[in-house]
Amino acid sequence: MPRARRGRGEGSIYQREYGTWCATYSAGYAASGKRIRKTIFGLTKDEVAKKLSKVQASRMDGTFVEPSRMRLATLLERWVEDAARPTIRETTYVSYKGIITNHIDPRIVGTTLAILNPVHIQRLYADMERDGVGPRVRQLTHAVLRRALKQALRWGLIARNPCDAIDPPRVPKRQITPLTAEQVQTFLDAAKGDRLYAVYVVAIGTGMRLGEIFGLQWPDIDLQGLAINVRSTLIEIKGKLYLAEPKTPKSRRRIDLPKFVVDALTRHRAQSVREGFAKVPWVFCNSIGGPLRRTHFHVNHFKPLLDAAELPAIRFHDLRHTSATLLLAAGVHPKVVQERLGHSQIGITLDTYSHVVPTLQLEAAGKLDAVMQMSAKPKKVRSSLTR
């Protein structure tokens, strides 16, 4: 096919022998001083002309970004190691690495940043769903991609973030299953013979996370001041246990203790001394004085207790929800509940325990009724006439 003659002012736009169109432009100079020339491709002459005009306009206003030949896999590796890892917790880093290795890399193999677009990412989420990957993992995949591509935008590797054009995968709100006050008493009655009885009392009485409870050391407990100071959390990474910073800055907190928690901890301390663990730093330890592991605890302690008490198969984390629900139902201000739980924002507390809010609203309406009825009572007027 003969090449078509270029129109005046169109630049170096020409048709290739196979019928496609392309245009070349100068992208500056290499370190050696050699001119760098780039090529734009398209199916039609108009398509290439528009692309070339867009490049020329962006070069004029300073927004032009040279398409990068870097692969997405390379970007993700550099981002997670160089940019993300120094700013996130080790457990988060391990989670990000798993998302990249297990879900992103196998499905977008060899894709370069120059051609990456919203369609690629949308197809990634669709493929994950078809493969049976849960919505929470898909949502986390979106978060990882969005953060990495946002960094690529800052580094000047891409002109826009493709994730901004996509709605993140939605995760159905998980129903929490707190115990009622009666169920709590049934559960604690069944747990009285367990050597880790105080673990359950602390969970219900403070709303602490399991990792925070397992990470407690005796200097964190102020039995005289009736308080616990949450300073760390116990995490497990690849089979090894580590003490780490709490989940958020708000998670470092002081929690005032009710009497039943203080009593349980006092008895637990005496029991630890009798078992020969007086010098063990852990408040809650295993049978040889070491820190507790989640899996062993769930299988050998928590689940059997639920069965013995004939209670629903809840998660240990639901004891935290139980603590918050009981406090809110008792009329404790949500701000106080937020501080006890260590939530970063009160909105998290209100959203998580919205099932309690209708009850509180009815109670508030009833109290307002009582106030208005009191104010509406006729007042006695003393007569100015004297007899």
Protein backbone atom coordinates (compact mmCIF):
# COMPACT_ATOMS: atom_id res chain seq x y z
CA MET A 1 0.00 0.00 0.00
CA PRO A 2 1.54 3.38 -0.94
CA ARG A 3 2.21 5.80 1.90
CA ALA A 4 -0.10 8.81 2.15
CA ARG A 5 1.47 12.26 1.89
CA ARG A 6 1.58 14.20 5.17
CA GLY A 7 -0.63 17.24 5.49
CA ARG A 8 0.84 20.68 6.17
CA GLY A 9 1.52 21.27 9.90
CA GLU A 10 0.84 17.68 10.91
CA GLY A 11 4.43 16.88 11.86
CA SER A 12 5.90 13.48 11.16
CA ILE A 13 2.67 11.53 10.81
CA TYR A 14 2.78 8.74 8.25
CA GLN A 15 1.12 5.48 7.30
CA ARG A 16 3.01 2.21 7.60
CA GLU A 17 3.03 -0.41 4.86
CA TYR A 18 0.53 -2.58 6.80
CA GLY A 19 -1.99 0.24 6.98
CA THR A 20 -1.53 1.45 10.55
CA TRP A 21 -0.56 5.05 11.27
CA CYS A 22 2.21 6.43 13.47
CA ALA A 23 3.96 9.65 14.40
CA THR A 24 7.43 10.36 15.75
CA TYR A 25 8.43 13.16 18.09
CA SER A 26 11.51 14.27 19.95
CA ALA A 27 11.60 13.38 23.67
CA GLY A 28 14.77 15.33 24.48
CA TYR A 29 18.35 14.14 24.63
CA ALA A 30 20.13 11.21 26.29
CA ALA A 31 23.15 11.67 28.54
CA SER A 32 25.36 11.01 25.51
CA GLY A 33 23.81 13.98 23.72
CA LYS A 34 21.92 11.82 21.23
CA ARG A 35 18.39 12.91 20.40
CA ILE A 36 15.67 10.60 21.80
CA ARG A 37 12.84 9.97 19.36
CA LYS A 38 9.53 8.33 20.34
CA THR A 39 6.76 6.86 18.21
CA ILE A 40 2.98 6.96 18.63
CA PHE A 41 0.79 4.33 16.96
CA GLY A 42 -2.88 4.28 15.95
CA LEU A 43 -5.36 2.69 13.59
CA THR A 44 -6.30 5.94 11.87
CA LYS A 45 -4.60 9.17 10.91
CA ASP A 46 -6.95 11.21 13.11
CA GLU A 47 -6.25 9.02 16.12
CA VAL A 48 -2.48 9.51 15.80
CA ALA A 49 -2.89 13.24 15.18
CA LYS A 50 -4.92 13.63 18.38
CA LYS A 51 -2.36 11.66 20.38
CA LEU A 52 0.47 13.77 18.97
CA SER A 53 -1.40 17.02 19.72
CA LYS A 54 -1.98 15.85 23.29
CA VAL A 55 1.73 15.10 23.74
CA GLN A 56 2.73 18.46 22.29
CA ALA A 57 0.23 20.31 24.51
CA SER A 58 1.35 18.51 27.66
CA ARG A 59 5.00 19.24 26.86
CA MET A 60 4.11 22.92 26.55
CA ASP A 61 2.28 23.13 29.92
CA GLY A 62 4.78 20.96 31.79
CA THR A 63 2.45 18.02 32.49
CA PHE A 64 4.01 15.59 30.04
CA VAL A 65 5.24 12.26 31.40
CA GLU A 66 7.29 10.02 29.18
CA PRO A 67 5.61 6.57 28.92
CA SER A 68 7.60 4.20 31.09
CA ARG A 69 8.82 0.81 29.91
CA MET A 70 8.97 -0.32 33.54
CA ARG A 71 6.84 -3.36 34.20
CA LEU A 72 4.11 -3.22 36.82
CA ALA A 73 5.77 -6.11 38.67
CA THR A 74 9.01 -4.09 38.94
CA LEU A 75 7.15 -1.03 40.21
CA LEU A 76 5.32 -3.06 42.85
CA GLU A 77 8.57 -4.60 44.08
CA ARG A 78 10.33 -1.21 44.31
CA TRP A 79 7.33 0.42 45.95
CA VAL A 80 6.72 -2.20 48.63
CA GLU A 81 10.42 -2.45 49.55
CA ASP A 82 11.61 1.16 49.20
CA ALA A 83 8.53 3.33 49.78
CA ALA A 84 5.98 1.31 51.76
CA ARG A 85 8.00 -0.93 54.09
CA PRO A 86 9.65 1.89 56.12
CA THR A 87 6.23 3.40 56.89
CA ILE A 88 4.04 0.36 57.69
CA ARG A 89 3.89 -2.37 60.32
CA GLU A 90 5.67 -5.65 59.56
CA THR A 91 2.36 -7.54 59.46
CA THR A 92 1.04 -5.06 56.87
CA TYR A 93 4.21 -5.49 54.81
CA VAL A 94 3.79 -9.28 54.82
CA SER A 95 0.14 -8.83 53.79
CA TYR A 96 1.09 -6.51 50.90
CA LYS A 97 3.77 -8.92 49.69
CA GLY A 98 1.25 -11.77 49.73
CA ILE A 99 -1.24 -9.75 47.68
CA ILE A 100 1.41 -8.88 45.09
CA THR A 101 2.89 -12.39 44.85
CA ASN A 102 -0.32 -14.41 44.96
CA HIS A 103 -2.85 -12.23 43.18
CA ILE A 104 -1.41 -9.36 41.10
CA ASP A 105 1.79 -10.74 39.54
CA PRO A 106 0.25 -14.00 38.23
CA ARG A 107 -2.63 -12.19 36.54
CA ILE A 108 -0.91 -9.11 35.05
CA VAL A 109 2.32 -10.71 33.88
CA GLY A 110 4.63 -8.49 31.85
CA THR A 111 2.30 -5.48 31.69
CA THR A 112 4.25 -2.23 31.41
CA LEU A 113 3.24 1.06 32.97
CA ALA A 114 3.07 2.59 29.49
CA ILE A 115 0.08 0.44 28.50
CA LEU A 116 -1.52 -0.18 31.90
CA ASN A 117 -5.07 1.19 31.91
CA PRO A 118 -8.31 0.85 33.93
CA VAL A 119 -9.46 -2.06 31.75
CA HIS A 120 -6.48 -4.18 32.84
CA ILE A 121 -7.23 -3.53 36.50
CA GLN A 122 -10.96 -4.12 36.17
CA ARG A 123 -10.23 -7.43 34.45
CA LEU A 124 -7.87 -8.33 37.31
CA TYR A 125 -10.66 -7.93 39.87
CA ALA A 126 -13.10 -9.88 37.68
CA ASP A 127 -10.60 -12.74 37.27
CA MET A 128 -10.02 -12.83 41.02
CA GLU A 129 -13.76 -13.05 41.66
CA ARG A 130 -14.16 -15.86 39.11
CA ASP A 131 -11.31 -17.71 40.82
CA GLY A 132 -13.17 -17.55 44.12
CA VAL A 133 -11.05 -14.88 45.81
CA GLY A 134 -13.07 -13.21 48.58
CA PRO A 135 -14.22 -9.57 48.47
CA ARG A 136 -11.94 -8.50 51.34
CA VAL A 137 -8.84 -9.73 49.48
CA ARG A 138 -10.01 -8.02 46.29
CA GLN A 139 -10.52 -4.80 48.21
CA LEU A 140 -7.02 -5.05 49.68
CA THR A 141 -5.63 -5.72 46.19
CA HIS A 142 -7.20 -2.47 45.02
CA ALA A 143 -5.68 -0.62 47.98
CA VAL A 144 -2.20 -2.01 47.21
CA LEU A 145 -2.43 -1.17 43.50
CA ARG A 146 -3.78 2.31 44.15
CA ARG A 147 -1.02 3.15 46.63
CA ALA A 148 1.72 1.79 44.38
CA LEU A 149 0.45 3.65 41.31
CA LYS A 150 0.04 6.82 43.35
CA GLN A 151 3.74 6.54 44.14
CA ALA A 152 4.49 5.95 40.45
CA LEU A 153 2.64 9.19 39.71
CA ARG A 154 4.86 11.04 42.22
CA TRP A 155 7.95 9.48 40.68
CA GLY A 156 6.90 10.73 37.25
CA LEU A 157 6.49 7.24 35.78
CA ILE A 158 2.82 7.65 34.80
CA ALA A 159 0.61 10.61 33.91
CA ARG A 160 -2.47 9.41 35.84
CA ASN A 161 -3.49 6.69 38.24
CA PRO A 162 -5.67 4.08 36.46
CA CYS A 163 -7.19 3.01 39.80
CA ASP A 164 -8.89 6.40 40.12
CA ALA A 165 -11.22 5.44 37.26
CA ILE A 166 -12.41 2.26 38.99
CA ASP A 167 -14.81 1.72 41.86
CA PRO A 168 -13.08 -0.39 44.53
CA PRO A 169 -14.48 -3.88 45.17
CA ARG A 170 -17.21 -3.76 47.80
CA VAL A 171 -17.09 -5.84 50.95
CA PRO A 172 -20.40 -6.77 52.60
CA LYS A 173 -20.51 -5.50 56.16
CA ARG A 174 -19.70 -8.37 58.48
CA GLN A 175 -22.27 -9.07 61.14
CA ILE A 176 -20.84 -9.01 64.64
CA THR A 177 -22.18 -11.47 67.19
CA PRO A 178 -21.70 -10.10 70.71
CA LEU A 179 -22.85 -12.10 73.70
CA THR A 180 -25.70 -10.92 75.89
CA ALA A 181 -25.12 -10.24 79.59
CA GLU A 182 -26.67 -13.62 80.41
CA GLN A 183 -24.47 -15.41 77.87
CA VAL A 184 -21.39 -13.67 79.28
CA GLN A 185 -22.17 -15.05 82.73
CA THR A 186 -22.73 -18.54 81.28
CA PHE A 187 -19.42 -18.34 79.43
CA LEU A 188 -17.44 -17.15 82.46
CA ASP A 189 -19.02 -19.85 84.65
CA ALA A 190 -17.81 -22.49 82.17
CA ALA A 191 -14.32 -20.89 82.08
CA LYS A 192 -13.70 -20.82 85.84
CA GLY A 193 -11.66 -24.03 85.77
CA ASP A 194 -9.42 -22.86 82.91
CA ARG A 195 -5.93 -21.64 83.88
CA LEU A 196 -6.42 -18.76 81.40
CA TYR A 197 -9.74 -17.68 82.91
CA ALA A 198 -8.41 -14.13 83.38
CA VAL A 199 -7.86 -13.80 79.61
CA TYR A 200 -11.61 -13.90 79.03
CA VAL A 201 -12.32 -11.55 81.94
CA VAL A 202 -9.83 -9.00 80.59
CA ALA A 203 -11.29 -9.28 77.06
CA ILE A 204 -14.85 -8.67 78.26
CA GLY A 205 -13.90 -6.08 80.88
CA THR A 206 -11.59 -3.97 78.68
CA GLY A 207 -12.41 -4.69 75.03
CA MET A 208 -8.73 -5.29 74.27
CA ARG A 209 -7.66 -7.11 71.11
CA LEU A 210 -6.27 -10.63 71.47
CA GLY A 211 -2.77 -9.57 70.38
CA GLU A 212 -2.82 -6.77 72.97
CA ILE A 213 -3.84 -9.22 75.70
CA PHE A 214 -1.15 -11.76 74.73
CA GLY A 215 1.42 -8.94 74.60
CA LEU A 216 0.72 -7.79 78.17
CA GLN A 217 3.64 -7.89 80.60
CA TRP A 218 3.36 -7.43 84.35
CA PRO A 219 4.77 -3.85 84.33
CA ASP A 220 1.77 -2.96 82.12
CA ILE A 221 -0.63 -3.92 84.92
CA ASP A 222 -1.30 -1.38 87.68
CA LEU A 223 -3.41 -3.28 90.18
CA GLN A 224 -3.08 -0.52 92.76
CA GLY A 225 -4.15 2.15 90.27
CA LEU A 226 -6.82 -0.17 88.80
CA ALA A 227 -5.63 0.22 85.21
CA ILE A 228 -3.92 -1.49 82.27
CA ASN A 229 -1.46 0.36 80.04
CA VAL A 230 -1.58 -0.98 76.49
CA ARG A 231 1.93 -0.47 75.10
CA SER A 232 2.42 -3.31 72.60
CA THR A 233 0.81 -6.20 70.76
CA LEU A 234 2.06 -9.74 70.14
CA ILE A 235 2.17 -10.67 66.45
CA GLU A 236 3.18 -13.83 64.61
CA ILE A 237 5.08 -13.67 61.32
CA LYS A 238 6.11 -16.87 59.55
CA GLY A 239 5.85 -18.86 62.76
CA LYS A 240 7.87 -16.43 64.91
CA LEU A 241 6.39 -14.23 67.65
CA TYR A 242 7.28 -10.55 67.99
CA LEU A 243 6.25 -7.66 70.23
CA ALA A 244 5.17 -4.78 68.00
CA GLU A 245 3.69 -1.33 68.28
CA PRO A 246 -0.11 -1.29 68.75
CA LYS A 247 -2.31 -1.07 65.67
CA THR A 248 -2.73 2.74 65.73
CA PRO A 249 -1.41 5.62 67.88
CA LYS A 250 -4.80 5.65 69.64
CA SER A 251 -4.26 2.00 70.52
CA ARG A 252 -1.57 3.04 72.99
CA ARG A 253 -3.88 3.78 75.86
CA ARG A 254 -4.67 3.46 79.55
CA ILE A 255 -7.80 1.48 80.40
CA ASP A 256 -9.42 1.84 83.82
CA LEU A 257 -10.42 -1.54 85.22
CA PRO A 258 -13.67 -2.60 86.86
CA LYS A 259 -13.33 -4.48 90.14
CA PHE A 260 -14.14 -7.90 88.68
CA VAL A 261 -11.18 -7.58 86.29
CA VAL A 262 -8.81 -6.50 89.06
CA ASP A 263 -9.93 -9.45 91.20
CA ALA A 264 -9.37 -11.89 88.33
CA LEU A 265 -5.89 -10.51 87.59
CA THR A 266 -4.95 -10.64 91.29
CA ARG A 267 -5.93 -14.31 91.47
CA HIS A 268 -4.14 -15.00 88.16
CA ARG A 269 -0.93 -13.42 89.49
CA ALA A 270 -1.03 -15.65 92.59
CA GLN A 271 -1.66 -18.68 90.38
CA SER A 272 1.33 -17.79 88.15
CA VAL A 273 3.59 -17.65 91.22
CA ARG A 274 2.35 -21.06 92.37
CA GLU A 275 3.11 -22.49 88.93
CA GLY A 276 6.70 -21.23 89.16
CA PHE A 277 6.29 -18.32 86.71
CA ALA A 278 7.02 -15.49 89.19
CA LYS A 279 9.89 -14.19 87.01
CA VAL A 280 8.12 -14.71 83.67
CA PRO A 281 7.33 -11.27 82.16
CA TRP A 282 4.19 -12.40 80.31
CA VAL A 283 0.91 -11.85 82.12
CA PHE A 284 -0.55 -14.78 80.18
CA CYS A 285 1.88 -17.55 79.29
CA ASN A 286 1.73 -21.16 78.14
CA SER A 287 2.49 -24.20 80.31
CA ILE A 288 6.26 -23.67 80.03
CA GLY A 289 6.29 -19.90 80.56
CA GLY A 290 6.41 -18.78 76.92
CA PRO A 291 4.08 -16.42 75.06
CA LEU A 292 0.74 -17.74 73.82
CA ARG A 293 -0.02 -18.54 70.19
CA ARG A 294 -3.40 -17.73 68.66
CA THR A 295 -3.99 -21.06 66.92
CA HIS A 296 -3.15 -23.18 69.98
CA PHE A 297 -5.26 -20.91 72.19
CA HIS A 298 -8.31 -21.09 69.93
CA VAL A 299 -8.18 -24.85 69.44
CA ASN A 300 -7.29 -25.90 72.99
CA HIS A 301 -8.96 -23.25 75.12
CA PHE A 302 -11.50 -20.91 73.54
CA LYS A 303 -13.50 -23.21 71.24
CA PRO A 304 -13.85 -26.01 73.83
CA LEU A 305 -15.21 -23.46 76.33
CA LEU A 306 -17.86 -22.28 73.88
CA ASP A 307 -18.90 -25.89 73.34
CA ALA A 308 -19.00 -26.58 77.08
CA ALA A 309 -21.14 -23.49 77.65
CA GLU A 310 -23.39 -24.42 74.68
CA LEU A 311 -22.88 -20.98 73.13
CA PRO A 312 -22.66 -19.98 69.44
CA ALA A 313 -19.32 -20.52 67.69
CA ILE A 314 -18.22 -16.89 67.90
CA ARG A 315 -14.74 -15.49 67.28
CA PHE A 316 -12.59 -14.36 70.19
CA HIS A 317 -12.79 -10.85 68.69
CA ASP A 318 -16.52 -10.93 69.41
CA LEU A 319 -15.67 -10.64 73.12
CA ARG A 320 -14.29 -7.20 72.24
CA HIS A 321 -17.60 -6.42 70.52
CA THR A 322 -19.41 -7.76 73.59
CA SER A 323 -17.55 -5.34 75.86
CA ALA A 324 -18.40 -2.35 73.67
CA THR A 325 -22.04 -3.37 73.22
CA LEU A 326 -22.62 -3.83 76.95
CA LEU A 327 -21.08 -0.42 77.70
CA LEU A 328 -23.14 1.39 75.07
CA ALA A 329 -26.33 -0.36 76.17
CA ALA A 330 -25.58 0.76 79.73
CA GLY A 331 -25.54 4.40 78.58
CA VAL A 332 -21.75 4.94 78.50
CA HIS A 333 -20.85 7.77 76.11
CA PRO A 334 -19.52 6.50 72.73
CA LYS A 335 -16.41 8.71 73.11
CA VAL A 336 -15.46 6.79 76.26
CA VAL A 337 -16.06 3.48 74.48
CA GLN A 338 -13.87 4.67 71.59
CA GLU A 339 -11.02 5.47 73.98
CA ARG A 340 -11.29 2.11 75.75
CA LEU A 341 -11.25 0.20 72.45
CA GLY A 342 -8.44 2.29 70.95
CA HIS A 343 -10.35 3.24 67.79
CA SER A 344 -8.63 6.00 65.80
CA GLN A 345 -11.95 7.82 65.19
CA ILE A 346 -15.29 7.85 66.95
CA GLY A 347 -16.97 7.25 63.59
CA ILE A 348 -15.52 3.73 63.58
CA THR A 349 -17.10 3.07 66.97
CA LEU A 350 -20.50 4.42 65.96
CA ASP A 351 -20.48 2.58 62.61
CA THR A 352 -19.37 -0.74 64.12
CA TYR A 353 -21.96 -0.68 66.88
CA SER A 354 -24.82 0.94 64.99
CA HIS A 355 -27.03 -1.97 66.08
CA VAL A 356 -26.98 -0.51 69.61
CA VAL A 357 -27.80 3.04 68.48
CA PRO A 358 -31.57 2.51 67.94
CA THR A 359 -31.90 1.39 71.56
CA LEU A 360 -29.98 4.45 72.72
CA GLN A 361 -32.17 6.68 70.54
CA LEU A 362 -35.32 5.29 72.14
CA GLU A 363 -33.81 5.75 75.58
CA ALA A 364 -32.86 9.35 74.73
CA ALA A 365 -36.38 10.05 73.45
CA GLY A 366 -37.84 8.66 76.67
CA LYS A 367 -35.57 10.82 78.82
CA LEU A 368 -36.48 13.92 76.80
CA ASP A 369 -40.17 13.09 77.30
CA ALA A 370 -39.59 12.91 81.05
CA VAL A 371 -37.84 16.31 81.06
CA MET A 372 -40.64 17.94 79.09
CA GLN A 373 -43.34 16.46 81.32
CA MET A 374 -41.58 17.81 84.39
CA SER A 375 -41.36 21.28 82.87
CA ALA A 376 -45.04 21.18 81.86
CA LYS A 377 -46.35 20.61 85.39
CA PRO A 378 -48.38 23.63 86.69
CA LYS A 379 -46.50 25.58 89.31
CA LYS A 380 -48.16 26.57 92.56
CA VAL A 381 -48.78 30.33 92.75
CA ARG A 382 -48.76 31.88 96.18
CA SER A 383 -51.76 34.18 96.72
CA SER A 384 -51.00 37.80 97.54
CA LEU A 385 -54.19 38.04 99.64
CA THR A 386 -53.85 37.63 103.31
CA ARG A 387 -56.54 36.29 105.52
